[in-house]
Amino acid sequence: MRYFRYFWNEDFNGRGTSMHFYAVNENSREVERQVEIYADATVLAYDQGHVHDDDGMLADQLWDFDDSLADEIDEATFREAERLRPTNR
C-alpha cells in the first residue's frame, strides 16, 4: 500500500478548498481508501464498504504513480486523516 496527499485548490459546494488523502494498492493501482478534509471542517471518507453517496465517491480511476501531482506520504500521516470523524457516515 502506498499513501498520497493532494491539495485541491478549488471550492467544492461552498465547503472551500480541500486536502485529499489516498491509500493506493501498489499492485492493482486501485484507490482502496480515501479521505477528503474541507476548509469548513467537512470530512468525507470512502472505501469498498462506502463507495459513493450524495457528496462524492471513491476514486474509480487507476492511480498513475508516474504522473501523479499528489505528494507521497507515510502511513501514519494517512491514518491521522482517517481517524477524523467523517460527516458522510
Protein backbone atom coordinates (compact mmCIF):
# COMPACT_ATOMS: atom_id res chain seq x y z
CA MET A 1 0.00 0.00 0.00
CA ARG A 2 1.21 3.49 -0.84
CA TYR A 3 -0.23 6.72 0.54
CA PHE A 4 -0.71 10.13 -1.07
CA ARG A 5 -1.99 13.60 -0.24
CA TYR A 6 -3.29 16.16 -2.70
CA PHE A 7 -4.40 19.76 -2.08
CA TRP A 8 -7.46 20.70 -4.13
CA ASN A 9 -7.36 24.48 -4.57
CA GLU A 10 -10.97 24.89 -5.66
CA ASP A 11 -14.16 25.42 -3.72
CA PHE A 12 -16.49 22.40 -3.72
CA ASN A 13 -20.17 23.03 -2.92
CA GLY A 14 -19.31 26.02 -0.73
CA ARG A 15 -17.05 23.94 1.51
CA GLY A 16 -13.85 25.67 0.48
CA THR A 17 -10.58 24.10 -0.57
CA SER A 18 -9.71 20.58 0.49
CA MET A 19 -6.95 18.11 1.22
CA HIS A 20 -7.46 14.62 -0.22
CA PHE A 21 -5.74 11.54 1.18
CA TYR A 22 -5.49 8.26 -0.74
CA ALA A 23 -4.43 4.71 0.17
CA VAL A 24 -3.47 3.02 -3.10
CA ASN A 25 -2.87 -0.67 -3.67
CA GLU A 26 0.60 -0.77 -5.16
CA ASN A 27 -0.10 -3.85 -7.32
CA SER A 28 -3.58 -3.12 -8.68
CA ARG A 29 -3.16 0.72 -8.56
CA GLU A 30 -6.72 0.95 -7.18
CA VAL A 31 -7.56 3.55 -4.55
CA GLU A 32 -8.78 1.46 -1.61
CA ARG A 33 -9.43 4.22 0.95
CA GLN A 34 -9.91 7.95 0.55
CA VAL A 35 -10.41 10.85 2.97
CA GLU A 36 -11.30 14.42 1.98
CA ILE A 37 -10.95 17.25 4.51
CA TYR A 38 -12.57 20.57 3.58
CA ALA A 39 -11.91 24.09 4.84
CA ASP A 40 -15.35 24.19 6.51
CA ALA A 41 -14.40 21.07 8.60
CA THR A 42 -16.44 18.65 6.47
CA VAL A 43 -14.74 15.25 6.35
CA LEU A 44 -15.76 12.72 3.71
CA ALA A 45 -14.45 9.14 3.72
CA TYR A 46 -14.82 6.40 1.12
CA ASP A 47 -13.73 2.78 0.90
CA GLN A 48 -15.03 -0.51 -0.50
CA GLY A 49 -17.76 -0.54 2.16
CA HIS A 50 -18.88 3.01 1.33
CA VAL A 51 -18.09 3.64 -2.33
CA HIS A 52 -20.32 6.65 -3.02
CA ASP A 53 -23.01 8.93 -1.65
CA ASP A 54 -24.61 12.28 -2.50
CA ASP A 55 -21.35 14.13 -1.67
CA GLY A 56 -18.90 12.13 -3.74
CA MET A 57 -17.28 8.79 -4.36
CA LEU A 58 -14.19 6.65 -4.04
CA ALA A 59 -11.75 7.38 -6.87
CA ASP A 60 -12.58 4.98 -9.70
CA GLN A 61 -9.53 5.52 -11.91
CA LEU A 62 -6.33 3.52 -11.58
CA TRP A 63 -3.59 5.51 -9.88
CA ASP A 64 -0.76 6.63 -12.14
CA PHE A 65 2.30 6.55 -9.90
CA ASP A 66 4.43 8.25 -12.56
CA ASP A 67 2.06 11.09 -13.39
CA SER A 68 0.53 11.95 -10.03
CA LEU A 69 0.57 15.54 -8.76
CA ALA A 70 -0.02 14.23 -5.25
CA ASP A 71 2.71 14.01 -2.63
CA GLU A 72 3.58 10.59 -1.29
CA ILE A 73 3.14 10.44 2.48
CA ASP A 74 3.72 7.81 5.16
CA GLU A 75 1.05 5.51 6.54
CA ALA A 76 0.94 7.34 9.89
CA THR A 77 0.01 10.62 8.17
CA PHE A 78 -2.76 8.88 6.24
CA ARG A 79 -4.09 7.23 9.40
CA GLU A 80 -4.23 10.62 11.17
CA ALA A 81 -6.61 11.84 8.46
CA GLU A 82 -8.53 8.57 8.57
CA ARG A 83 -9.12 8.93 12.33
CA LEU A 84 -11.19 12.08 11.83
CA ARG A 85 -14.92 11.53 12.11
CA PRO A 86 -16.44 11.55 8.61
CA THR A 87 -19.59 13.58 8.16
CA ASN A 88 -20.90 11.27 5.42
CA ARG A 89 -21.27 8.15 7.56
